[in-house]
C-alpha atoms as a PDB file:
ATOM      1  CA  ILE A   1      -9.135  15.526  16.447  1.00  0.00           C
ATOM      2  CA  SER A   2     -10.991  18.703  15.966  1.00  0.00           C
ATOM      3  CA  ASN A   3     -12.136  21.030  18.699  1.00  0.00           C
ATOM      4  CA  LYS A   4     -15.391  21.368  16.692  1.00  0.00           C
ATOM      5  CA  LEU A   5     -16.220  17.775  17.623  1.00  0.00           C
ATOM      6  CA  VAL A   6     -15.591  18.491  21.379  1.00  0.00           C
ATOM      7  CA  GLU A   7     -17.432  21.888  21.124  1.00  0.00           C
ATOM      8  CA  ASP A   8     -20.505  20.273  19.177  1.00  0.00           C
ATOM      9  CA  LEU A   9     -20.802  17.624  21.891  1.00  0.00           C
ATOM     10  CA  GLU A  10     -21.629  20.316  24.463  1.00  0.00           C
ATOM     11  CA  HIS A  11     -24.737  21.473  22.295  1.00  0.00           C
ATOM     12  CA  ARG A  12     -25.909  17.860  21.676  1.00  0.00           C
ATOM     13  CA  ASN A  13     -28.574  16.111  23.764  1.00  0.00           C
ATOM     14  CA  ILE A  14     -27.060  12.627  23.895  1.00  0.00           C
ATOM     15  CA  PRO A  15     -27.003  10.132  26.731  1.00  0.00           C
ATOM     16  CA  ASP A  16     -23.831   9.956  28.780  1.00  0.00           C
ATOM     17  CA  GLN A  17     -22.612  13.190  27.493  1.00  0.00           C
ATOM     18  CA  ALA A  18     -19.880  13.565  30.281  1.00  0.00           C
ATOM     19  CA  GLN A  19     -18.583  10.086  29.289  1.00  0.00           C
ATOM     20  CA  ALA A  20     -18.430  10.984  25.577  1.00  0.00           C
ATOM     21  CA  TYR A  21     -16.592  14.193  26.604  1.00  0.00           C
ATOM     22  CA  ARG A  22     -14.108  12.447  28.695  1.00  0.00           C
ATOM     23  CA  PHE A  23     -13.451  10.123  25.760  1.00  0.00           C
ATOM     24  CA  LEU A  24     -12.896  12.839  23.332  1.00  0.00           C
ATOM     25  CA  GLU A  25     -10.498  14.686  25.670  1.00  0.00           C
ATOM     26  CA  VAL A  26      -8.339  11.532  26.205  1.00  0.00           C
ATOM     27  CA  LEU A  27      -8.415  10.961  22.370  1.00  0.00           C
ATOM     28  CA  LYS A  28      -7.458  14.554  21.899  1.00  0.00           C
ATOM     29  CA  LEU A  29      -4.505  14.238  24.217  1.00  0.00           C
ATOM     30  CA  ALA A  30      -3.259  11.002  22.368  1.00  0.00           C
ATOM     31  CA  VAL A  31      -3.484  13.016  19.013  1.00  0.00           C
ATOM     32  CA  GLU A  32      -1.600  15.996  20.541  1.00  0.00           C
ATOM     33  CA  ALA A  33       1.191  13.766  21.873  1.00  0.00           C
ATOM     34  CA  GLN A  34       1.590  12.207  18.471  1.00  0.00           C
ATOM     35  CA  GLU A  35       1.397  15.601  16.822  1.00  0.00           C
ATOM     36  CA  GLU A  36       4.379  16.777  18.863  1.00  0.00           C
ATOM     37  CA  VAL A  37       6.476  13.808  17.784  1.00  0.00           C
ATOM     38  CA  ALA A  38       5.259  14.415  14.172  1.00  0.00           C
ATOM     39  CA  ASN A  39       6.409  17.960  14.296  1.00  0.00           C
ATOM     40  CA  LYS A  40       9.871  16.811  15.504  1.00  0.00           C
ATOM     41  CA  PHE A  41      10.025  14.334  12.752  1.00  0.00           C
ATOM     42  CA  ARG A  42       8.843  16.746  10.064  1.00  0.00           C
ATOM     43  CA  ASN A  43      11.713  19.129  11.009  1.00  0.00           C
ATOM     44  CA  GLN A  44      14.130  16.393  10.800  1.00  0.00           C
ATOM     45  CA  LEU A  45      12.938  15.503   7.413  1.00  0.00           C
ATOM     46  CA  MET A  46      12.784  19.149   6.222  1.00  0.00           C
ATOM     47  CA  GLN A  47      16.512  19.274   7.189  1.00  0.00           C
ATOM     48  CA  LEU A  48      17.319  16.193   5.173  1.00  0.00           C
ATOM     49  CA  LEU A  49      15.333  17.447   2.162  1.00  0.00           C
ATOM     50  CA  ALA A  50      16.814  21.001   2.306  1.00  0.00           C
ATOM     51  CA  ARG A  51      20.314  19.671   2.265  1.00  0.00           C
ATOM     52  CA  PRO A  52      22.352  21.976  -0.210  1.00  0.00           C
ATOM     53  CA  GLU A  53      23.629  20.468  -3.336  1.00  0.00           C
ATOM     54  CA  SER A  54      27.247  20.874  -2.266  1.00  0.00           C
ATOM     55  CA  ALA A  55      26.807  18.987   1.063  1.00  0.00           C
ATOM     56  CA  ASN A  56      28.436  15.898  -0.275  1.00  0.00           C
ATOM     57  CA  LYS A  57      31.080  17.507  -2.500  1.00  0.00           C
ATOM     58  CA  THR A  58      34.609  17.314  -1.449  1.00  0.00           C
ATOM     59  CA  ASN A  59      36.940  20.180  -2.340  1.00  0.00           C
ATOM     60  CA  ASP A  60      39.786  17.689  -3.182  1.00  0.00           C
ATOM     61  CA  PRO A  61      39.910  17.371  -7.035  1.00  0.00           C
ATOM     62  CA  VAL A  62      42.073  14.324  -6.807  1.00  0.00           C
ATOM     63  CA  SER A  63      39.803  12.560  -4.437  1.00  0.00           C
ATOM     64  CA  PRO A  64      37.796   9.696  -6.097  1.00  0.00           C
ATOM     65  CA  GLN A  65      34.815  10.988  -4.260  1.00  0.00           C
ATOM     66  CA  ALA A  66      35.219  14.621  -5.617  1.00  0.00           C
ATOM     67  CA  ASN A  67      33.113  13.814  -8.773  1.00  0.00           C
ATOM     68  CA  LYS A  68      31.019  10.817  -7.660  1.00  0.00           C
ATOM     69  CA  ALA A  69      29.499  12.152  -4.581  1.00  0.00           C
ATOM     70  CA  PRO A  70      25.706  12.667  -4.875  1.00  0.00           C
ATOM     71  CA  TYR A  71      24.125  15.965  -4.668  1.00  0.00           C
ATOM     72  CA  GLY A  72      20.891  17.111  -2.977  1.00  0.00           C
ATOM     73  CA  PRO A  73      19.017  15.128  -0.276  1.00  0.00           C
ATOM     74  CA  ASN A  74      20.462  11.826   1.027  1.00  0.00           C
ATOM     75  CA  TYR A  75      17.625   9.410   0.184  1.00  0.00           C
ATOM     76  CA  SER A  76      18.889   6.517   2.205  1.00  0.00           C
ATOM     77  CA  LYS A  77      18.818   8.813   5.277  1.00  0.00           C
ATOM     78  CA  ILE A  78      15.287   9.845   4.388  1.00  0.00           C
ATOM     79  CA  LEU A  79      14.233   6.265   4.019  1.00  0.00           C
ATOM     80  CA  ASP A  80      15.743   5.454   7.457  1.00  0.00           C
ATOM     81  CA  ARG A  81      13.777   8.263   9.103  1.00  0.00           C
ATOM     82  CA  THR A  82      10.650   7.547   7.215  1.00  0.00           C
ATOM     83  CA  SER A  83      11.081   3.843   8.242  1.00  0.00           C
ATOM     84  CA  LYS A  84      11.414   4.886  11.927  1.00  0.00           C
ATOM     85  CA  ALA A  85       8.380   7.115  11.609  1.00  0.00           C
ATOM     86  CA  VAL A  86       6.265   4.306  10.287  1.00  0.00           C
ATOM     87  CA  GLU A  87       7.498   1.854  12.957  1.00  0.00           C
ATOM     88  CA  TRP A  88       6.725   4.511  15.603  1.00  0.00           C
ATOM     89  CA  PHE A  89       3.439   5.931  14.478  1.00  0.00           C
ATOM     90  CA  GLY A  90       1.934   2.854  12.965  1.00  0.00           C
ATOM     91  CA  PRO A  91       1.328   0.825  16.171  1.00  0.00           C
ATOM     92  CA  ARG A  92       0.375   3.988  18.147  1.00  0.00           C
ATOM     93  CA  MET A  93      -2.231   5.002  15.698  1.00  0.00           C
ATOM     94  CA  ASP A  94      -3.712   1.650  15.527  1.00  0.00           C
ATOM     95  CA  GLU A  95      -3.656   1.208  19.446  1.00  0.00           C
ATOM     96  CA  GLN A  96      -4.197   4.687  20.707  1.00  0.00           C
ATOM     97  CA  LEU A  97      -6.510   6.219  18.000  1.00  0.00           C
ATOM     98  CA  ILE A  98      -8.021   3.730  15.581  1.00  0.00           C
ATOM     99  CA  ALA A  99      -8.817   0.753  17.962  1.00  0.00           C
ATOM    100  CA  ASN A 100     -10.130   3.058  20.671  1.00  0.00           C
ATOM    101  CA  LEU A 101     -12.189   5.096  18.278  1.00  0.00           C
ATOM    102  CA  GLU A 102     -13.703   1.930  16.650  1.00  0.00           C
ATOM    103  CA  GLN A 103     -14.626   0.499  20.113  1.00  0.00           C
ATOM    104  CA  HIS A 104     -16.246   3.838  21.027  1.00  0.00           C
ATOM    105  CA  ILE A 105     -18.212   4.089  17.861  1.00  0.00           C
ATOM    106  CA  GLU A 106     -19.574   0.509  18.322  1.00  0.00           C
ATOM    107  CA  GLN A 107     -20.508   1.265  21.994  1.00  0.00           C
ATOM    108  CA  TRP A 108     -22.341   4.544  20.955  1.00  0.00           C
ATOM    109  CA  SER A 109     -23.932   3.259  17.935  1.00  0.00           C
ATOM    110  CA  ALA A 110     -26.383   1.168  20.086  1.00  0.00           C
ATOM    111  CA  LYS A 111     -27.374   4.229  22.190  1.00  0.00           C
ATOM    112  CA  LYS A 112     -30.371   6.368  21.080  1.00  0.00           C
ATOM    113  CA  ARG A 113     -29.989   9.983  19.872  1.00  0.00           C
ATOM    114  CA  THR A 114     -26.372   9.523  18.913  1.00  0.00           C
ATOM    115  CA  LYS A 115     -26.668   9.132  15.085  1.00  0.00           C
ATOM    116  CA  ARG A 116     -24.940  12.507  14.401  1.00  0.00           C
ATOM    117  CA  TYR A 117     -22.385  12.031  17.064  1.00  0.00           C
ATOM    118  CA  VAL A 118     -21.450   8.621  15.628  1.00  0.00           C
ATOM    119  CA  THR A 119     -21.418   9.976  12.157  1.00  0.00           C
ATOM    120  CA  ASP A 120     -18.838  12.653  13.263  1.00  0.00           C
ATOM    121  CA  LEU A 121     -16.820   9.924  15.014  1.00  0.00           C
ATOM    122  CA  LYS A 122     -16.775   7.838  11.753  1.00  0.00           C
ATOM    123  CA  SER A 123     -15.579  10.915   9.816  1.00  0.00           C
ATOM    124  CA  THR A 124     -12.767  11.265  12.392  1.00  0.00           C
ATOM    125  CA  LEU A 125     -12.016   7.398  12.093  1.00  0.00           C
ATOM    126  CA  THR A 126     -11.671   7.906   8.375  1.00  0.00           C
ATOM    127  CA  GLU A 127      -9.202  10.744   8.858  1.00  0.00           C
ATOM    128  CA  PHE A 128      -7.052   8.653  11.116  1.00  0.00           C
ATOM    129  CA  LYS A 129      -6.990   5.760   8.627  1.00  0.00           C
ATOM    130  CA  ARG A 130      -6.226   8.060   5.951  1.00  0.00           C
ATOM    131  CA  LYS A 131      -3.311   9.468   7.871  1.00  0.00           C
ATOM    132  CA  LYS A 132      -2.000   6.064   8.403  1.00  0.00           C
ATOM    133  CA  GLU A 133      -2.284   5.276   4.750  1.00  0.00           C
ATOM    134  CA  GLN A 134      -0.438   8.359   3.823  1.00  0.00           C
ATOM    135  CA  LEU A 135       2.347   7.364   6.163  1.00  0.00           C
ATOM    136  CA  ALA A 136       2.684   4.104   4.343  1.00  0.00           C
ATOM    137  CA  GLN A 137       2.664   5.812   1.072  1.00  0.00           C
ATOM    138  CA  CYS A 138       5.505   8.145   2.154  1.00  0.00           C
ATOM    139  CA  LEU A 139       7.533   4.967   3.043  1.00  0.00           C
ATOM    140  CA  ASP A 140       6.940   3.616  -0.452  1.00  0.00           C
ATOM    141  CA  ILE A 141       8.018   6.988  -1.938  1.00  0.00           C
ATOM    142  CA  ALA A 142      11.184   6.958   0.087  1.00  0.00           C
ATOM    143  CA  GLU A 143      12.029   3.421  -0.779  1.00  0.00           C
ATOM    144  CA  ASN A 144      11.486   4.113  -4.507  1.00  0.00           C
ATOM    145  CA  LEU A 145      13.560   7.422  -4.277  1.00  0.00           C
ATOM    146  CA  SER A 146      16.414   5.421  -2.389  1.00  0.00           C
ATOM    147  CA  LYS A 147      16.368   2.692  -5.075  1.00  0.00           C
ATOM    148  CA  THR A 148      16.391   5.133  -7.990  1.00  0.00           C
ATOM    149  CA  VAL A 149      19.369   7.173  -6.566  1.00  0.00           C
ATOM    150  CA  SER A 150      21.313   3.768  -5.922  1.00  0.00           C
ATOM    151  CA  LEU A 151      20.575   2.795  -9.411  1.00  0.00           C
ATOM    152  CA  GLN A 152      21.936   5.957 -10.835  1.00  0.00           C
ATOM    153  CA  ALA A 153      25.203   5.774  -8.628  1.00  0.00           C
END
């Protein structure tokens, strides 16, 4: 949630401004908590993606694994981490962000002098839904990469 939304609220003449401000602050805390976990996940994912080509290679030329070991990222581990991310973020995004924001929009749509505020909230809701969709797409990509690599092995 952008600081601009919170800052703009201070300059608006809407009813129950303090209540709206409290809601946005709580929503912002939920976003920041998820962002902290997302940063940890991203770091783990970057480590998996940046795995050097020789990470799986054995030095033993007689070993049956010496020439068969895959190079580059371990897509099955990437798939596992991505699946865990979807399992963790999906419900939290639905419950803490999307559902709460939809309810808040519904409540505030009925109030007078809130059209611009509600429009900004709807824009934020669209961003949350887009992020959730991107997460699902990342899982699809990881699944396809994992299948492609297993077919090549």
